[in-house]
Amino acid sequence: MTDFINAVGGVFFDWAAAVFIQTAVLVAILGGVDLLLRNRVRATLRYWIWMLVFVKLLLPPTLCIPTGIGYWLGRHVPPPREVLQPEVQTTAVSAHVETDFARTMPPAQVSHPMPADTPPVESLAVDSERLTWQGAIFLLWGVGVLLFTGMVVQRLLFVRGLLRQAVPARDDLVDVLDQCRRRMGVRRYIGLRLSQTTFSPAVCGLLRPTILVPPAMLDRLSPEGLRAILIHELAHVKRGDLW
C-alpha cells in the first residue's frame, strides 16, 4: 500500500507542481493587468478577466496526462520493431545459456535450501518501504479535499434549513418582485420568502433561486428601497454569481 501511495504521490506532485507554477504566473500577470485597468474599464470586464484563472485550472498542464490528447494517442502507437528484436534475441540467448549452465552444474550446486527462519526477500522489501514526501503531500491533499467537501455539504444543509424555516412572502411583495424581474430581463421563476434567521437580504439556490428577506427590514423600507434590494439580488441571479 505504501509503495502505491508513493507512486501516485510522485505523479500527483509532478502534475500539481506544474499547475501551481503556471497558475501563479497567470495570477501575477492578471494582477498587473488589473492594476493598469482598474480606473479605465468597468468592473464587469475586470471580473471576466479574473475568470481566466478558473479556465486555466480546468485545462491540463501538459499533453501527457489522461486529460490530454497526447496521452491517448500514445497508447495506440506501437514501439519500433528494431527495438523489440534485440530484446527477443537477448532473451533467447539468455535462456539457452541458463539451460546449458544448469545441465553442466553438479546437483549439489544447483540449489541450496534456505533455512526455515530466513524471511523472504519480498517481505524485507515491503518492510523497508517508507512513505516519501511526495506521498505525504498527496495524503495531505486528500485530507484537504475531504475537509472542504464536508464544509460544502454542511453549507448546503444550512441553506436548506434556512429555506425550510422561511415563510412565503405576501402577494403584494411577490408582485413587486415580478416587476423587478421583468425590468432586469430575468425570465426564470424567482421565489421570495421571509426568514427570521437572516440579518440581511440574500439569494440562494442553484436550480430554483429564492430571495430571503428579514421581515423586520420590510417595516423600515420604502417601496423604492425594497425595489433596490430586489434588483440587487436579481443581478446576482442574472450574472450567475451563485454558480
Protein backbone atom coordinates (compact mmCIF):
# COMPACT_ATOMS: atom_id res chain seq x y z
CA MET A 1 0.00 0.00 0.00
CA THR A 2 2.83 2.38 0.84
CA ASP A 3 4.57 1.86 -2.49
CA PHE A 4 1.26 2.54 -4.28
CA ILE A 5 0.81 5.81 -2.37
CA ASN A 6 4.40 6.79 -3.18
CA ALA A 7 3.89 6.07 -6.88
CA VAL A 8 0.63 8.02 -7.02
CA GLY A 9 2.18 10.82 -4.94
CA GLY A 10 5.07 11.17 -7.38
CA VAL A 11 2.76 11.50 -10.37
CA PHE A 12 0.44 13.83 -8.43
CA PHE A 13 3.30 16.10 -7.32
CA ASP A 14 4.65 16.47 -10.86
CA TRP A 15 1.17 17.42 -12.09
CA ALA A 16 0.35 19.71 -9.15
CA ALA A 17 3.69 21.49 -9.32
CA ALA A 18 3.15 22.29 -13.00
CA VAL A 19 -0.38 23.57 -12.31
CA PHE A 20 0.82 25.65 -9.35
CA ILE A 21 3.64 27.32 -11.28
CA GLN A 22 1.51 28.06 -14.33
CA THR A 23 -1.39 29.39 -12.25
CA ALA A 24 0.92 31.55 -10.11
CA VAL A 25 2.40 33.13 -13.25
CA LEU A 26 -1.09 33.74 -14.64
CA VAL A 27 -2.26 35.34 -11.37
CA ALA A 28 0.77 37.63 -11.35
CA ILE A 29 0.12 38.71 -14.95
CA LEU A 30 -3.60 39.28 -14.36
CA GLY A 31 -2.81 41.21 -11.18
CA GLY A 32 -0.65 43.61 -13.18
CA VAL A 33 -3.33 43.97 -15.85
CA ASP A 34 -5.95 44.62 -13.16
CA LEU A 35 -3.85 47.41 -11.65
CA LEU A 36 -3.44 49.07 -15.05
CA LEU A 37 -7.13 48.83 -15.98
CA ARG A 38 -8.69 49.45 -12.56
CA ASN A 39 -9.74 53.05 -13.28
CA ARG A 40 -10.17 52.67 -17.04
CA VAL A 41 -12.64 49.81 -17.57
CA ARG A 42 -15.86 48.62 -15.96
CA ALA A 43 -15.78 46.23 -13.03
CA THR A 44 -17.60 43.61 -15.12
CA LEU A 45 -14.69 43.40 -17.56
CA ARG A 46 -12.20 43.02 -14.72
CA TYR A 47 -14.44 40.30 -13.29
CA TRP A 48 -14.26 38.30 -16.52
CA ILE A 49 -10.52 38.84 -16.78
CA TRP A 50 -10.05 37.11 -13.42
CA MET A 51 -12.28 34.28 -14.61
CA LEU A 52 -9.32 33.25 -16.81
CA VAL A 53 -7.78 31.74 -13.65
CA PHE A 54 -10.68 29.27 -13.35
CA VAL A 55 -10.43 28.48 -17.06
CA LYS A 56 -6.73 27.71 -16.58
CA LEU A 57 -7.49 25.38 -13.67
CA LEU A 58 -9.79 23.36 -15.93
CA LEU A 59 -7.09 22.85 -18.58
CA PRO A 60 -4.33 20.21 -18.36
CA PRO A 61 -0.78 21.49 -17.75
CA THR A 62 0.66 19.16 -20.42
CA LEU A 63 -0.49 16.87 -23.20
CA CYS A 64 0.84 13.73 -21.49
CA ILE A 65 -1.76 13.26 -18.74
CA PRO A 66 -5.05 11.32 -19.11
CA THR A 67 -6.94 14.55 -19.89
CA GLY A 68 -4.65 15.37 -22.80
CA ILE A 69 -4.83 14.09 -26.35
CA GLY A 70 -1.17 13.09 -26.34
CA TYR A 71 -1.80 10.50 -23.63
CA TRP A 72 -4.49 8.69 -25.64
CA LEU A 73 -2.61 8.88 -28.95
CA GLY A 74 0.50 7.45 -27.31
CA ARG A 75 -1.38 4.34 -26.19
CA HIS A 76 -2.11 3.34 -29.78
CA VAL A 77 1.35 3.94 -31.23
CA PRO A 78 3.29 0.62 -31.31
CA PRO A 79 7.00 0.68 -30.42
CA PRO A 80 9.52 0.31 -33.30
CA ARG A 81 10.27 -3.26 -34.39
CA GLU A 82 14.01 -2.70 -34.37
CA VAL A 83 13.78 -2.00 -30.65
CA LEU A 84 11.85 -5.19 -29.91
CA GLN A 85 14.02 -7.61 -31.92
CA PRO A 86 17.26 -7.21 -29.89
CA GLU A 87 15.29 -7.80 -26.68
CA VAL A 88 13.79 -11.02 -28.08
CA GLN A 89 17.19 -12.26 -29.26
CA THR A 90 18.82 -11.41 -25.93
CA THR A 91 16.09 -13.28 -24.06
CA ALA A 92 16.51 -16.36 -26.25
CA VAL A 93 20.30 -16.37 -25.82
CA SER A 94 19.99 -15.91 -22.06
CA ALA A 95 17.55 -18.80 -21.78
CA HIS A 96 19.87 -21.04 -23.85
CA VAL A 97 22.89 -20.17 -21.69
CA GLU A 98 20.98 -20.74 -18.46
CA THR A 99 19.80 -24.18 -19.71
CA ASP A 100 23.33 -25.29 -20.64
CA PHE A 101 24.68 -23.97 -17.35
CA ALA A 102 22.09 -25.92 -15.37
CA ARG A 103 22.92 -29.12 -17.25
CA THR A 104 26.68 -28.87 -16.59
CA MET A 105 26.43 -27.77 -12.95
CA PRO A 106 26.68 -30.53 -10.29
CA PRO A 107 23.44 -31.29 -8.47
CA ALA A 108 24.84 -30.04 -5.15
CA GLN A 109 25.41 -26.59 -6.68
CA VAL A 110 22.09 -26.28 -8.45
CA SER A 111 20.04 -25.29 -5.42
CA HIS A 112 20.69 -24.61 -1.77
CA PRO A 113 17.76 -24.94 0.61
CA MET A 114 17.19 -21.79 2.69
CA PRO A 115 16.84 -22.06 6.46
CA ALA A 116 13.30 -22.11 7.76
CA ASP A 117 13.78 -18.91 9.79
CA THR A 118 15.07 -16.86 6.84
CA PRO A 119 12.44 -14.21 5.86
CA PRO A 120 11.55 -13.95 2.18
CA VAL A 121 13.21 -11.25 0.11
CA GLU A 122 9.83 -9.71 -0.80
CA SER A 123 8.90 -9.31 2.86
CA LEU A 124 12.15 -7.50 3.57
CA ALA A 125 11.46 -5.14 0.66
CA VAL A 126 7.95 -4.42 1.83
CA ASP A 127 9.01 -3.83 5.43
CA SER A 128 11.76 -1.42 4.36
CA GLU A 129 9.33 0.69 2.27
CA ARG A 130 8.83 4.17 3.72
CA LEU A 131 6.41 6.95 2.85
CA THR A 132 8.09 9.54 0.64
CA TRP A 133 7.48 13.28 0.93
CA GLN A 134 5.55 13.19 -2.38
CA GLY A 135 3.28 10.54 -0.93
CA ALA A 136 2.84 12.59 2.24
CA ILE A 137 1.83 15.64 0.18
CA PHE A 138 -0.68 13.52 -1.71
CA LEU A 139 -2.21 12.29 1.56
CA LEU A 140 -2.41 15.85 2.93
CA TRP A 141 -4.09 16.98 -0.28
CA GLY A 142 -6.64 14.17 0.05
CA VAL A 143 -7.38 15.19 3.64
CA GLY A 144 -7.87 18.78 2.50
CA VAL A 145 -10.28 17.69 -0.23
CA LEU A 146 -12.33 15.73 2.32
CA LEU A 147 -12.43 18.71 4.70
CA PHE A 148 -13.55 21.15 2.00
CA THR A 149 -16.14 18.65 0.77
CA GLY A 150 -17.51 18.40 4.29
CA MET A 151 -17.68 22.21 4.52
CA VAL A 152 -19.61 22.40 1.24
CA VAL A 153 -22.07 19.72 2.38
CA GLN A 154 -22.52 21.47 5.74
CA ARG A 155 -23.20 24.78 3.98
CA LEU A 156 -25.70 23.11 1.66
CA LEU A 157 -27.61 21.65 4.59
CA PHE A 158 -27.53 25.03 6.34
CA VAL A 159 -29.07 26.80 3.34
CA ARG A 160 -31.75 24.12 3.02
CA GLY A 161 -32.58 24.66 6.67
CA LEU A 162 -33.00 28.39 6.05
CA LEU A 163 -35.40 27.70 3.20
CA ARG A 164 -37.47 25.28 5.28
CA GLN A 165 -37.79 27.75 8.15
CA ALA A 166 -38.69 30.71 5.90
CA VAL A 167 -42.33 31.50 5.09
CA PRO A 168 -43.72 32.60 1.70
CA ALA A 169 -43.97 36.35 1.13
CA ARG A 170 -47.25 38.19 0.73
CA ASP A 171 -48.79 38.56 -2.70
CA ASP A 172 -48.08 42.30 -2.88
CA LEU A 173 -44.36 41.63 -2.27
CA VAL A 174 -44.37 38.92 -4.93
CA ASP A 175 -45.90 41.42 -7.38
CA VAL A 176 -43.09 43.88 -6.68
CA LEU A 177 -40.57 41.09 -7.30
CA ASP A 178 -42.22 40.22 -10.63
CA GLN A 179 -41.99 43.86 -11.71
CA CYS A 180 -38.30 43.97 -10.83
CA ARG A 181 -37.74 40.63 -12.56
CA ARG A 182 -39.25 41.91 -15.82
CA ARG A 183 -37.23 45.09 -15.51
CA MET A 184 -34.00 43.12 -15.13
CA GLY A 185 -34.86 40.76 -18.00
CA VAL A 186 -34.88 37.66 -15.78
CA ARG A 187 -37.35 35.20 -17.29
CA ARG A 188 -36.99 32.30 -14.89
CA TYR A 189 -39.06 32.00 -11.75
CA ILE A 190 -37.55 33.54 -8.62
CA GLY A 191 -39.01 32.74 -5.21
CA LEU A 192 -39.41 35.23 -2.37
CA ARG A 193 -39.57 34.13 1.27
CA LEU A 194 -39.35 35.84 4.66
CA SER A 195 -36.69 34.48 7.00
CA GLN A 196 -36.35 35.27 10.71
CA THR A 197 -32.82 33.76 10.84
CA THR A 198 -31.18 36.06 8.27
CA PHE A 199 -29.82 39.51 9.12
CA SER A 200 -29.71 40.85 5.55
CA PRO A 201 -31.31 40.02 2.19
CA ALA A 202 -29.72 37.10 0.36
CA VAL A 203 -30.35 34.85 -2.62
CA CYS A 204 -29.69 31.10 -2.59
CA GLY A 205 -30.40 28.07 -4.77
CA LEU A 206 -28.70 26.97 -7.97
CA LEU A 207 -31.66 25.42 -9.79
CA ARG A 208 -34.50 27.27 -8.02
CA PRO A 209 -33.19 30.66 -6.82
CA THR A 210 -35.01 32.12 -3.83
CA ILE A 211 -34.58 35.56 -2.27
CA LEU A 212 -34.66 35.66 1.52
CA VAL A 213 -35.63 38.92 3.23
CA PRO A 214 -35.82 39.55 7.02
CA PRO A 215 -39.40 40.55 7.96
CA ALA A 216 -38.14 43.28 10.32
CA MET A 217 -36.44 45.03 7.39
CA LEU A 218 -39.70 45.36 5.46
CA ASP A 219 -41.13 47.65 8.14
CA ARG A 220 -38.26 50.12 7.69
CA LEU A 221 -38.04 50.05 3.89
CA SER A 222 -39.79 52.36 1.47
CA PRO A 223 -41.19 50.90 -1.76
CA GLU A 224 -38.17 52.29 -3.63
CA GLY A 225 -35.79 50.72 -1.12
CA LEU A 226 -37.49 47.35 -1.47
CA ARG A 227 -37.17 47.52 -5.25
CA ALA A 228 -33.50 48.41 -4.95
CA ILE A 229 -32.85 45.37 -2.73
CA LEU A 230 -34.74 43.01 -5.04
CA ILE A 231 -32.97 44.37 -8.13
CA HIS A 232 -29.63 43.87 -6.36
CA GLU A 233 -30.40 40.23 -5.61
CA LEU A 234 -31.77 39.65 -9.12
CA ALA A 235 -28.48 40.95 -10.52
CA HIS A 236 -26.69 38.09 -8.74
CA VAL A 237 -29.06 35.61 -10.38
CA LYS A 238 -28.69 37.17 -13.83
CA ARG A 239 -24.87 37.15 -13.68
CA GLY A 240 -24.78 33.58 -12.41
CA ASP A 241 -22.90 34.51 -9.24
CA LEU A 242 -24.44 31.59 -7.36
CA TRP A 243 -22.75 29.10 -9.68
